[in-house]
Amino acid sequence: MVNKLGVYTNIFTERMNIVDYKFLLESMLEHLDEGIIVVDRNAKVTFYNEPATSIAGITQQKAIGKNILEIFPDLSPETSTFYQVLRNKQPIIDHVQSYMNYQGRRVSTLTSTIPLIEQGEIIGALEIYRDLTQVKELSEKIINLQSELFKKKSNEKPYRGNGVVYTFDDIIGNSTAIRRIKEQARKIVDSSSPVLVYGETGTGKEVLVQAIHSASSKRRNKPFIAQNCAALPTTLLDSILFGTTAGSFTGAKDRPGLFELADGGTLFLDEINSMDMELQGKLLRVLQDGIVRRVGGISTVHVDVRIIACTNEHPAAIVEKHILRRDLYYRLNVIALNLPPLRERKEDIAPLTAFFINLYNEKVQKNVETITPAALNVLQTYPWPGNIRELKCTIESMMNFVEGNRLDIQDIPAHIIHSADIAQPKAEDTSEGLPVASLVENLNAYEKKLIRKAIRQANGNGAKAARILNIPRQTLHNKIKKYNIDWQVVVNNNFS
């Protein structure tokens, strides 16, 4: 009886596993943003799963059994990735295609097509595709706009509207590090050598790059073009940087790339560490020879473009991780500029804060004159992981809520107050020599100290003190009663 029960249990478990796996697979396919098509060796569809975006424009029932060229009528055996893979038995990964779908709508997709081989024989192919229509349309609009903006004719005046906003005057700070960076950058404004800028996110890399272009007597009246290398798939980035030739792929047109559009000016490549290794090799050729060949083209074009690249990771580290080609690193690192994080130049927080106060007075219609020393002290204590960008957003937030003509502690966001309060008492705790034997006593003493400090900073205002501590006012009063804190004594005697 026990053996039979065991057999029945195993059979039931196996059947449940089959059901579970089938349910799991169906659920995954239903919620995928990608489409999946499987064809046999004759390119007839044997499996079809269309995402909610309806890229191909045909239902599963209609697709099964059709040749792939029936579903995508403007493709041919020469341009279809399925036919290429079936013919060559080699995968095609991350290929950008533009074509007419079954409903006659033009779409762009990023496809990966993989041969299905059994015992050495090709039995079909599988393709996973993702909709890139909006990204492709946007990139084409960008290129068209830039092409119109940077069009040069012999009778035109020197181009002025070159997309640059910042100059060296916009690099705010009195620290030794910032003064040194500005001094170094001013020396190389007219050089044609490539530049590699390293700095954490939010340190102002693009401000520095634009300042270099603006100060260049050779290039400031020529185009400045910025491209984030992490914003687009490799194949799209390739065609945007180098341009395309009509017929190089389905839907391709004769278009100049950013290298050609930036001729005479500066091309700023942000997050260079996100660029594909193969594309890095093409960039290296441009840096060495100054020659560009469009995607699918035969002829070459000579360009005079200064390349400035940026990375938010240390260049030596990404070389060791094989994220950045070593030869490209050597070529880019001819001029290296390192922007230090804000936490390493806290003397710049005061002038930056004053600058942002003036900036947002106009934007949010306020008349703030200054920031109190106590509030500035809190800002200088905070580590600023988001650097200048985070400080700028913090001042913008404070300016929206301030009621008087100066920013004070109660205007600072709670998470910054909390971080500053945690950072400051550590030295105080040591100086008071609190015993380490009782954790509860230490915590109570620390909490009491924070409450006294908040009362003092709020000048005896209970609501402000509660906001500084980020607790309800009633909770504050309960804790004052618990620790027997004399409110007037704390305020009048300036307890810390």
Protein backbone atom coordinates (compact mmCIF):
# COMPACT_ATOMS: atom_id res chain seq x y z
CA MET A 1 0.00 0.00 0.00
CA VAL A 2 2.81 2.38 0.93
CA ASN A 3 4.67 1.64 -2.33
CA LYS A 4 1.57 2.29 -4.42
CA LEU A 5 0.98 5.55 -2.57
CA GLY A 6 4.56 6.55 -3.30
CA VAL A 7 4.14 5.79 -7.01
CA TYR A 8 0.90 7.76 -7.17
CA THR A 9 2.55 10.67 -5.35
CA ASN A 10 5.46 10.70 -7.80
CA ILE A 11 3.11 10.62 -10.81
CA PHE A 12 1.02 13.41 -9.32
CA THR A 13 4.14 15.50 -8.58
CA GLU A 14 5.48 15.02 -12.12
CA ARG A 15 2.15 16.08 -13.62
CA MET A 16 1.98 19.10 -11.32
CA ASN A 17 5.54 20.05 -12.32
CA ILE A 18 4.55 19.92 -15.99
CA VAL A 19 1.51 22.09 -15.27
CA ASP A 20 3.57 24.48 -13.14
CA TYR A 21 6.28 24.87 -15.80
CA LYS A 22 3.67 25.40 -18.52
CA PHE A 23 1.86 27.97 -16.39
CA LEU A 24 5.17 29.63 -15.52
CA LEU A 25 6.24 29.83 -19.18
CA GLU A 26 2.87 31.20 -20.30
CA SER A 27 2.91 33.81 -17.53
CA MET A 28 6.43 34.93 -18.46
CA LEU A 29 5.60 35.21 -22.14
CA GLU A 30 2.41 37.13 -21.40
CA HIS A 31 4.24 39.85 -19.51
CA LEU A 32 7.39 40.15 -21.63
CA ASP A 33 8.06 43.42 -23.44
CA GLU A 34 9.89 41.40 -26.11
CA GLY A 35 8.37 39.37 -28.91
CA ILE A 36 9.51 35.84 -29.76
CA ILE A 37 9.28 34.16 -33.19
CA VAL A 38 10.48 30.66 -34.08
CA VAL A 39 10.68 29.49 -37.70
CA ASP A 40 11.56 26.16 -39.27
CA ARG A 41 14.31 25.62 -41.84
CA ASN A 42 12.00 27.01 -44.55
CA ALA A 43 11.35 30.22 -42.58
CA LYS A 44 7.77 29.21 -41.74
CA VAL A 45 6.55 30.38 -38.33
CA THR A 46 6.13 27.55 -35.80
CA PHE A 47 5.91 29.65 -32.63
CA TYR A 48 4.86 33.25 -32.20
CA ASN A 49 4.47 35.40 -29.09
CA GLU A 50 3.69 39.08 -29.63
CA PRO A 51 4.16 41.61 -26.77
CA ALA A 52 1.43 44.00 -25.71
CA THR A 53 2.90 46.72 -27.95
CA SER A 54 1.87 44.70 -31.04
CA ILE A 55 5.07 45.30 -32.99
CA ALA A 56 4.49 42.85 -35.82
CA GLY A 57 0.78 43.65 -36.01
CA ILE A 58 -0.51 40.10 -36.46
CA THR A 59 -2.24 37.63 -34.14
CA GLN A 60 -0.75 34.30 -33.14
CA GLN A 61 -3.42 32.36 -35.02
CA LYS A 62 -2.68 34.14 -38.29
CA ALA A 63 1.09 34.03 -37.88
CA ILE A 64 1.54 30.29 -37.37
CA GLY A 65 2.35 28.53 -40.64
CA LYS A 66 3.09 31.71 -42.59
CA ASN A 67 6.47 32.38 -44.16
CA ILE A 68 8.25 35.20 -42.35
CA LEU A 69 8.24 37.31 -45.54
CA GLU A 70 4.43 37.16 -45.59
CA ILE A 71 4.33 38.79 -42.16
CA PHE A 72 6.91 41.43 -43.04
CA PRO A 73 6.21 42.11 -46.74
CA ASP A 74 8.94 44.67 -47.44
CA LEU A 75 11.72 42.33 -46.26
CA SER A 76 13.52 40.05 -48.68
CA PRO A 77 15.73 36.96 -48.31
CA GLU A 78 18.70 39.34 -48.46
CA THR A 79 17.49 41.74 -45.74
CA SER A 80 15.66 39.31 -43.43
CA THR A 81 17.70 38.31 -40.38
CA PHE A 82 15.91 34.94 -40.33
CA TYR A 83 17.05 34.08 -43.86
CA GLN A 84 20.60 35.24 -43.11
CA VAL A 85 20.80 33.06 -39.99
CA LEU A 86 19.26 30.05 -41.75
CA ARG A 87 21.75 30.50 -44.56
CA ASN A 88 24.91 31.20 -42.52
CA LYS A 89 24.13 29.28 -39.32
CA GLN A 90 25.54 32.23 -37.35
CA PRO A 91 23.62 34.33 -34.79
CA ILE A 92 22.91 38.03 -35.34
CA ILE A 93 22.83 39.87 -32.02
CA ASP A 94 21.34 43.32 -31.26
CA HIS A 95 20.54 44.18 -34.87
CA VAL A 96 18.48 47.32 -35.56
CA GLN A 97 15.86 46.90 -38.31
CA SER A 98 13.27 49.27 -39.75
CA TYR A 99 10.51 47.72 -41.83
CA MET A 100 6.78 47.64 -42.62
CA ASN A 101 4.83 45.32 -40.33
CA TYR A 102 1.81 43.15 -41.25
CA GLN A 103 -0.58 46.11 -40.80
CA GLY A 104 1.50 48.40 -43.03
CA ARG A 105 2.93 50.40 -40.12
CA ARG A 106 6.64 51.22 -40.16
CA VAL A 107 8.39 49.98 -37.04
CA SER A 108 11.96 49.75 -35.78
CA THR A 109 13.15 46.85 -33.66
CA LEU A 110 16.26 45.64 -31.87
CA THR A 111 16.50 41.94 -32.74
CA SER A 112 18.65 38.98 -31.79
CA THR A 113 18.28 35.98 -34.11
CA ILE A 114 19.77 32.62 -33.12
CA PRO A 115 20.11 29.47 -35.25
CA LEU A 116 18.52 26.25 -33.93
CA ILE A 117 20.92 23.41 -34.70
CA GLU A 118 20.32 19.73 -33.97
CA GLN A 119 23.03 17.12 -34.62
CA GLY A 120 24.88 19.60 -36.81
CA GLU A 121 21.86 20.38 -39.00
CA ILE A 122 19.94 23.67 -39.00
CA ILE A 123 16.31 23.01 -38.10
CA GLY A 124 15.14 26.60 -37.68
CA ALA A 125 15.82 29.90 -35.99
CA LEU A 126 14.58 31.85 -32.99
CA GLU A 127 14.30 35.62 -32.84
CA ILE A 128 13.74 37.89 -29.83
CA TYR A 129 12.77 41.43 -30.73
CA ARG A 130 12.05 44.66 -28.88
CA ASP A 131 10.28 47.81 -30.08
CA LEU A 132 12.65 50.71 -30.81
CA THR A 133 10.29 52.78 -32.94
CA GLN A 134 10.08 55.75 -30.58
CA VAL A 135 13.82 55.69 -29.81
CA LYS A 136 14.66 55.49 -33.54
CA GLU A 137 12.27 58.33 -34.42
CA LEU A 138 13.69 60.47 -31.62
CA SER A 139 17.29 59.83 -32.67
CA GLU A 140 16.47 60.70 -36.29
CA LYS A 141 14.79 63.92 -35.17
CA ILE A 142 17.87 64.81 -33.14
CA ILE A 143 20.15 64.18 -36.11
CA ASN A 144 17.89 66.16 -38.45
CA LEU A 145 17.74 69.09 -36.04
CA GLN A 146 21.48 69.06 -35.51
CA SER A 147 22.04 68.81 -39.25
CA GLU A 148 19.92 71.91 -39.79
CA LEU A 149 21.51 73.79 -36.91
CA PHE A 150 25.06 73.04 -37.94
CA LYS A 151 24.64 73.43 -41.69
CA LYS A 152 27.49 75.57 -43.00
CA LYS A 153 27.45 77.66 -46.17
CA SER A 154 30.17 79.85 -47.58
CA ASN A 155 28.13 83.06 -47.26
CA GLU A 156 26.96 82.35 -43.70
CA LYS A 157 28.24 84.30 -40.71
CA PRO A 158 30.17 82.33 -38.07
CA TYR A 159 27.83 80.05 -36.18
CA ARG A 160 26.95 81.38 -32.72
CA GLY A 161 24.12 79.22 -31.39
CA ASN A 162 26.36 76.22 -30.81
CA GLY A 163 24.48 74.58 -27.94
CA VAL A 164 26.89 75.78 -25.23
CA VAL A 165 25.46 77.31 -22.07
CA TYR A 166 28.34 77.35 -19.56
CA THR A 167 31.65 79.20 -19.30
CA PHE A 168 34.44 79.19 -16.71
CA ASP A 169 32.46 81.79 -14.75
CA ASP A 170 29.88 79.09 -14.05
CA ILE A 171 32.41 76.90 -12.26
CA ILE A 172 31.80 78.10 -8.69
CA GLY A 173 34.29 77.51 -5.90
CA ASN A 174 37.30 78.88 -4.05
CA SER A 175 38.92 75.61 -3.04
CA THR A 176 42.45 74.80 -4.10
CA ALA A 177 41.18 71.83 -6.14
CA ILE A 178 38.73 73.92 -8.17
CA ARG A 179 41.22 76.72 -8.77
CA ARG A 180 43.74 74.15 -10.01
CA ILE A 181 41.20 72.48 -12.33
CA LYS A 182 40.21 75.83 -13.86
CA GLU A 183 43.86 76.79 -14.31
CA GLN A 184 44.64 73.48 -16.04
CA ALA A 185 41.56 73.68 -18.26
CA ARG A 186 42.28 77.23 -19.39
CA LYS A 187 45.72 76.13 -20.60
CA ILE A 188 44.34 73.51 -23.00
CA VAL A 189 41.29 75.28 -24.51
CA ASP A 190 42.92 75.71 -27.94
CA SER A 191 44.62 72.33 -28.02
CA SER A 192 43.33 69.63 -30.37
CA SER A 193 44.39 66.83 -28.01
CA PRO A 194 41.62 64.62 -26.61
CA VAL A 195 40.57 65.10 -23.00
CA LEU A 196 39.38 62.54 -20.44
CA VAL A 197 37.38 64.01 -17.55
CA TYR A 198 36.77 61.91 -14.45
CA GLY A 199 34.35 62.81 -11.69
CA GLU A 200 31.52 61.31 -9.69
CA THR A 201 27.94 61.88 -10.78
CA GLY A 202 26.89 65.47 -10.17
CA THR A 203 30.37 67.01 -9.90
CA GLY A 204 29.84 69.26 -12.94
CA LYS A 205 31.71 67.44 -15.71
CA GLU A 206 29.62 68.87 -18.55
CA VAL A 207 29.93 72.40 -17.14
CA LEU A 208 33.72 72.02 -17.31
CA VAL A 209 33.60 70.55 -20.84
CA GLN A 210 31.36 73.35 -22.14
CA ALA A 211 33.62 75.93 -20.48
CA ILE A 212 36.62 74.54 -22.37
CA HIS A 213 34.74 74.77 -25.67
CA SER A 214 33.45 78.29 -24.92
CA ALA A 215 36.95 79.59 -24.16
CA SER A 216 38.52 78.12 -27.30
CA SER A 217 39.31 80.77 -29.90
CA LYS A 218 39.47 78.01 -32.54
CA ARG A 219 36.24 76.15 -31.75
CA ARG A 220 33.85 78.34 -29.75
CA ASN A 221 31.98 79.46 -32.89
CA LYS A 222 31.69 75.89 -34.15
CA PRO A 223 29.33 73.11 -33.02
CA PHE A 224 29.37 71.60 -29.56
CA ILE A 225 27.57 68.24 -29.56
CA ALA A 226 27.01 66.06 -26.49
CA GLN A 227 26.06 62.39 -26.62
CA ASN A 228 25.48 60.11 -23.64
CA CYS A 229 26.92 56.72 -24.59
CA ALA A 230 24.67 54.90 -22.11
CA ALA A 231 21.45 56.29 -23.59
CA LEU A 232 21.23 54.14 -26.73
CA PRO A 233 21.84 50.52 -27.83
CA THR A 234 25.21 49.93 -29.49
CA THR A 235 23.90 49.61 -33.04
CA LEU A 236 21.94 52.86 -32.80
CA LEU A 237 24.85 54.67 -31.19
CA ASP A 238 27.09 53.43 -34.01
CA SER A 239 24.84 54.91 -36.71
CA ILE A 240 24.31 58.15 -34.76
CA LEU A 241 28.04 58.71 -34.24
CA PHE A 242 29.27 57.66 -37.68
CA GLY A 243 26.20 58.23 -39.89
CA THR A 244 24.51 55.84 -42.31
CA THR A 245 24.51 55.06 -46.01
CA ALA A 246 21.30 54.33 -47.92
CA GLY A 247 20.75 50.58 -48.22
CA SER A 248 23.19 49.64 -45.45
CA PHE A 249 20.22 48.15 -43.59
CA THR A 250 16.47 48.12 -44.02
CA GLY A 251 15.16 51.69 -43.86
CA ALA A 252 18.63 53.27 -43.77
CA LYS A 253 19.12 56.68 -45.39
CA ASP A 254 22.11 58.85 -46.22
CA ARG A 255 22.67 60.70 -42.96
CA PRO A 256 25.74 62.35 -41.47
CA GLY A 257 26.79 61.20 -38.02
CA LEU A 258 27.71 63.34 -35.04
CA PHE A 259 31.39 63.30 -36.02
CA GLU A 260 30.56 64.99 -39.31
CA LEU A 261 28.09 67.39 -37.70
CA ALA A 262 30.66 68.42 -35.08
CA ASP A 263 33.35 69.11 -37.69
CA GLY A 264 35.48 72.02 -36.52
CA GLY A 265 34.00 71.88 -33.04
CA THR A 266 33.80 69.57 -30.03
CA LEU A 267 32.14 66.18 -29.56
CA PHE A 268 31.45 65.41 -25.91
CA LEU A 269 31.04 61.68 -25.19
CA ASP A 270 29.54 61.22 -21.73
CA GLU A 271 29.75 57.88 -19.88
CA ILE A 272 32.38 56.56 -22.30
CA ASN A 273 32.62 53.49 -20.05
CA SER A 274 29.19 52.41 -21.36
CA MET A 275 30.38 52.22 -24.97
CA ASP A 276 30.67 48.77 -26.57
CA MET A 277 34.24 47.47 -27.05
CA GLU A 278 33.86 47.19 -30.83
CA LEU A 279 32.59 50.75 -31.04
CA GLN A 280 35.51 51.86 -28.86
CA GLY A 281 37.79 50.45 -31.56
CA LYS A 282 36.11 52.61 -34.20
CA LEU A 283 36.43 55.65 -31.96
CA LEU A 284 40.14 54.93 -31.57
CA ARG A 285 40.55 54.99 -35.37
CA VAL A 286 38.91 58.41 -35.55
CA LEU A 287 41.17 59.73 -32.79
CA GLN A 288 44.26 58.43 -34.58
CA ASP A 289 43.41 59.28 -38.20
CA GLY A 290 40.61 61.85 -38.08
CA ILE A 291 38.75 59.76 -40.68
CA VAL A 292 35.10 58.64 -40.48
CA ARG A 293 33.30 56.04 -42.58
CA ARG A 294 29.52 55.85 -42.39
CA VAL A 295 27.80 52.60 -41.48
CA GLY A 296 27.51 50.57 -44.69
CA GLY A 297 29.56 53.09 -46.64
CA ILE A 298 32.76 52.73 -48.66
CA SER A 299 34.08 56.29 -48.89
CA THR A 300 35.65 58.10 -45.94
CA VAL A 301 35.37 61.67 -44.68
CA HIS A 302 38.09 63.63 -42.87
CA VAL A 303 36.84 65.50 -39.81
CA ASP A 304 38.44 68.01 -37.45
CA VAL A 305 36.72 67.22 -34.16
CA ARG A 306 38.03 67.55 -30.64
CA ILE A 307 36.91 64.59 -28.52
CA ILE A 308 36.25 65.14 -24.83
CA ALA A 309 35.14 62.02 -23.00
CA CYS A 310 33.82 61.67 -19.46
CA THR A 311 33.46 58.82 -17.00
CA ASN A 312 31.97 58.66 -13.50
CA GLU A 313 34.21 55.70 -12.60
CA HIS A 314 37.95 55.95 -12.16
CA PRO A 315 39.57 55.37 -15.60
CA ALA A 316 42.28 53.04 -14.29
CA ALA A 317 39.63 50.90 -12.59
CA ILE A 318 37.45 50.49 -15.69
CA VAL A 319 40.53 49.61 -17.74
CA GLU A 320 41.36 46.84 -15.27
CA LYS A 321 37.75 45.61 -15.44
CA HIS A 322 38.07 45.45 -19.27
CA ILE A 323 35.23 47.96 -19.63
CA LEU A 324 37.45 50.52 -21.36
CA ARG A 325 40.01 49.49 -23.97
CA ARG A 326 43.54 50.08 -22.74
CA ASP A 327 44.68 51.57 -26.07
CA LEU A 328 41.69 53.92 -26.14
CA TYR A 329 42.40 54.93 -22.54
CA TYR A 330 45.98 55.88 -23.45
CA ARG A 331 44.75 57.90 -26.44
CA LEU A 332 42.01 59.73 -24.49
CA ASN A 333 44.12 60.30 -21.41
CA VAL A 334 46.50 62.69 -23.17
CA ILE A 335 44.88 65.39 -21.05
CA ALA A 336 43.33 64.14 -17.80
CA LEU A 337 41.13 66.36 -15.64
CA ASN A 338 39.79 65.02 -12.33
CA LEU A 339 36.87 66.78 -10.65
CA PRO A 340 36.90 66.11 -6.88
CA PRO A 341 33.63 65.28 -5.09
CA LEU A 342 31.94 68.00 -3.05
CA ARG A 343 32.70 66.23 0.25
CA GLU A 344 36.42 66.82 -0.41
CA ARG A 345 36.01 70.56 -0.99
CA LYS A 346 33.46 71.66 1.59
CA GLU A 347 34.77 75.23 1.48
CA ASP A 348 32.94 75.48 -1.87
CA ILE A 349 29.53 74.76 -0.30
CA ALA A 350 29.10 78.38 0.91
CA PRO A 351 29.71 80.09 -2.47
CA LEU A 352 27.68 77.41 -4.28
CA THR A 353 24.79 77.90 -1.87
CA ALA A 354 24.89 81.67 -2.38
CA PHE A 355 24.93 81.15 -6.15
CA PHE A 356 21.91 78.82 -6.07
CA ILE A 357 19.98 81.18 -3.76
CA ASN A 358 20.37 83.96 -6.33
CA LEU A 359 19.43 81.55 -9.13
CA TYR A 360 16.19 80.39 -7.49
CA ASN A 361 15.18 83.81 -6.16
CA GLU A 362 14.25 84.64 -9.74
CA LYS A 363 12.81 81.24 -10.62
CA VAL A 364 10.52 80.81 -7.60
CA GLN A 365 9.84 84.52 -7.03
CA LYS A 366 11.46 84.82 -3.60
CA ASN A 367 13.68 87.45 -1.97
CA VAL A 368 16.05 85.35 0.10
CA GLU A 369 19.22 87.21 1.06
CA THR A 370 21.31 84.61 2.83
CA ILE A 371 21.49 81.36 4.81
CA THR A 372 22.03 81.29 8.57
CA PRO A 373 25.41 80.09 9.90
CA ALA A 374 23.71 77.18 11.72
CA ALA A 375 22.00 75.99 8.52
CA LEU A 376 25.19 76.38 6.51
CA ASN A 377 27.01 74.33 9.14
CA VAL A 378 24.50 71.50 8.62
CA LEU A 379 25.02 71.63 4.85
CA GLN A 380 28.79 71.52 5.34
CA THR A 381 28.47 68.49 7.61
CA TYR A 382 26.40 66.47 5.12
CA PRO A 383 28.50 64.20 2.80
CA TRP A 384 26.61 65.06 -0.44
CA PRO A 385 26.66 61.72 -2.30
CA GLY A 386 24.97 63.46 -5.25
CA ASN A 387 27.55 66.25 -5.19
CA ILE A 388 26.74 69.69 -6.68
CA ARG A 389 23.60 68.41 -8.40
CA GLU A 390 22.18 67.25 -5.06
CA LEU A 391 23.11 70.56 -3.38
CA LYS A 392 21.41 72.47 -6.19
CA CYS A 393 18.21 70.43 -5.85
CA THR A 394 18.30 70.82 -2.06
CA ILE A 395 18.54 74.61 -2.29
CA GLU A 396 15.71 74.61 -4.85
CA SER A 397 13.57 72.59 -2.41
CA MET A 398 14.40 74.95 0.48
CA MET A 399 13.62 78.02 -1.63
CA ASN A 400 10.16 76.70 -2.40
CA PHE A 401 9.24 76.40 1.30
CA VAL A 402 11.10 79.29 2.96
CA GLU A 403 8.89 82.04 4.36
CA GLY A 404 11.38 84.71 5.40
CA ASN A 405 14.35 86.37 3.77
CA ARG A 406 16.91 83.78 4.88
CA LEU A 407 17.24 80.02 4.78
CA ASP A 408 17.38 78.37 8.19
CA ILE A 409 17.64 74.89 9.69
CA GLN A 410 13.89 74.31 9.60
CA ASP A 411 14.01 74.71 5.80
CA ILE A 412 16.57 71.94 5.32
CA PRO A 413 15.13 68.53 4.24
CA ALA A 414 14.76 66.07 7.13
CA HIS A 415 17.14 63.43 5.73
CA ILE A 416 19.99 65.97 5.64
CA ILE A 417 19.26 67.14 9.20
CA HIS A 418 19.18 63.51 10.31
CA SER A 419 22.48 62.70 8.62
CA ALA A 420 24.18 65.81 10.03
CA ASP A 421 22.92 65.10 13.57
CA ILE A 422 24.27 61.55 13.39
CA ALA A 423 27.62 62.73 12.07
CA GLN A 424 28.24 65.44 14.66
CA PRO A 425 27.66 63.89 18.12
CA LYS A 426 30.23 61.09 17.68
CA ALA A 427 33.11 63.27 18.85
CA GLU A 428 30.93 64.77 21.58
CA ASP A 429 30.05 61.32 22.91
CA THR A 430 33.74 60.48 23.24
CA SER A 431 34.55 63.75 24.97
CA GLU A 432 31.81 63.20 27.55
CA GLY A 433 33.18 59.75 28.29
CA LEU A 434 29.80 58.00 28.44
CA PRO A 435 30.08 54.51 29.93
CA VAL A 436 29.81 51.68 27.42
CA ALA A 437 28.41 49.17 29.88
CA SER A 438 24.75 50.11 29.39
CA LEU A 439 23.41 50.45 25.83
CA VAL A 440 20.03 51.77 27.05
CA GLU A 441 21.66 54.50 29.13
CA ASN A 442 23.85 55.58 26.22
CA LEU A 443 20.90 55.71 23.84
CA ASN A 444 18.82 57.72 26.31
CA ALA A 445 21.69 60.16 26.89
CA TYR A 446 22.20 60.53 23.15
CA GLU A 447 18.48 61.12 22.51
CA LYS A 448 18.37 63.70 25.32
CA LYS A 449 21.35 65.50 23.78
CA LEU A 450 19.67 65.63 20.34
CA ILE A 451 16.47 67.04 21.82
CA ARG A 452 18.39 69.77 23.68
CA LYS A 453 20.28 70.60 20.51
CA ALA A 454 17.06 70.84 18.46
CA ILE A 455 15.45 73.13 21.06
CA ARG A 456 18.49 75.41 20.98
CA GLN A 457 18.62 75.47 17.16
CA ALA A 458 14.90 76.28 17.03
CA ASN A 459 15.36 79.16 19.53
CA GLY A 460 12.77 77.57 21.79
CA ASN A 461 10.14 77.09 19.07
CA GLY A 462 8.52 73.70 19.73
CA ALA A 463 7.13 73.19 16.23
CA LYS A 464 10.52 73.96 14.66
CA ALA A 465 12.31 71.63 17.07
CA ALA A 466 9.91 68.83 16.20
CA ARG A 467 10.49 69.43 12.48
CA ILE A 468 14.27 69.37 12.97
CA LEU A 469 13.97 65.99 14.70
CA ASN A 470 11.39 64.83 12.14
CA ILE A 471 8.96 63.69 14.87
CA PRO A 472 5.41 64.79 15.81
CA ARG A 473 5.23 67.71 18.23
CA GLN A 474 3.37 65.61 20.80
CA THR A 475 6.13 62.99 20.69
CA LEU A 476 8.69 65.72 21.37
CA HIS A 477 6.75 66.94 24.42
CA ASN A 478 6.45 63.37 25.73
CA LYS A 479 10.23 62.90 25.45
CA ILE A 480 10.91 66.27 27.13
CA LYS A 481 8.74 65.10 30.01
CA LYS A 482 10.47 61.68 30.03
CA TYR A 483 13.96 63.20 30.32
CA ASN A 484 12.83 66.04 32.61
CA ILE A 485 14.30 68.65 30.25
CA ASP A 486 13.82 72.24 31.37
CA TRP A 487 12.93 74.08 28.16
CA GLN A 488 13.84 77.56 29.45
CA VAL A 489 17.15 76.43 30.90
CA VAL A 490 18.17 74.89 27.59
CA VAL A 491 17.29 78.05 25.64
CA ASN A 492 18.63 80.63 28.06
CA ASN A 493 21.84 78.81 28.96
CA ASN A 494 22.56 77.68 25.40
CA PHE A 495 23.04 73.99 26.25
CA SER A 496 24.49 71.95 23.37
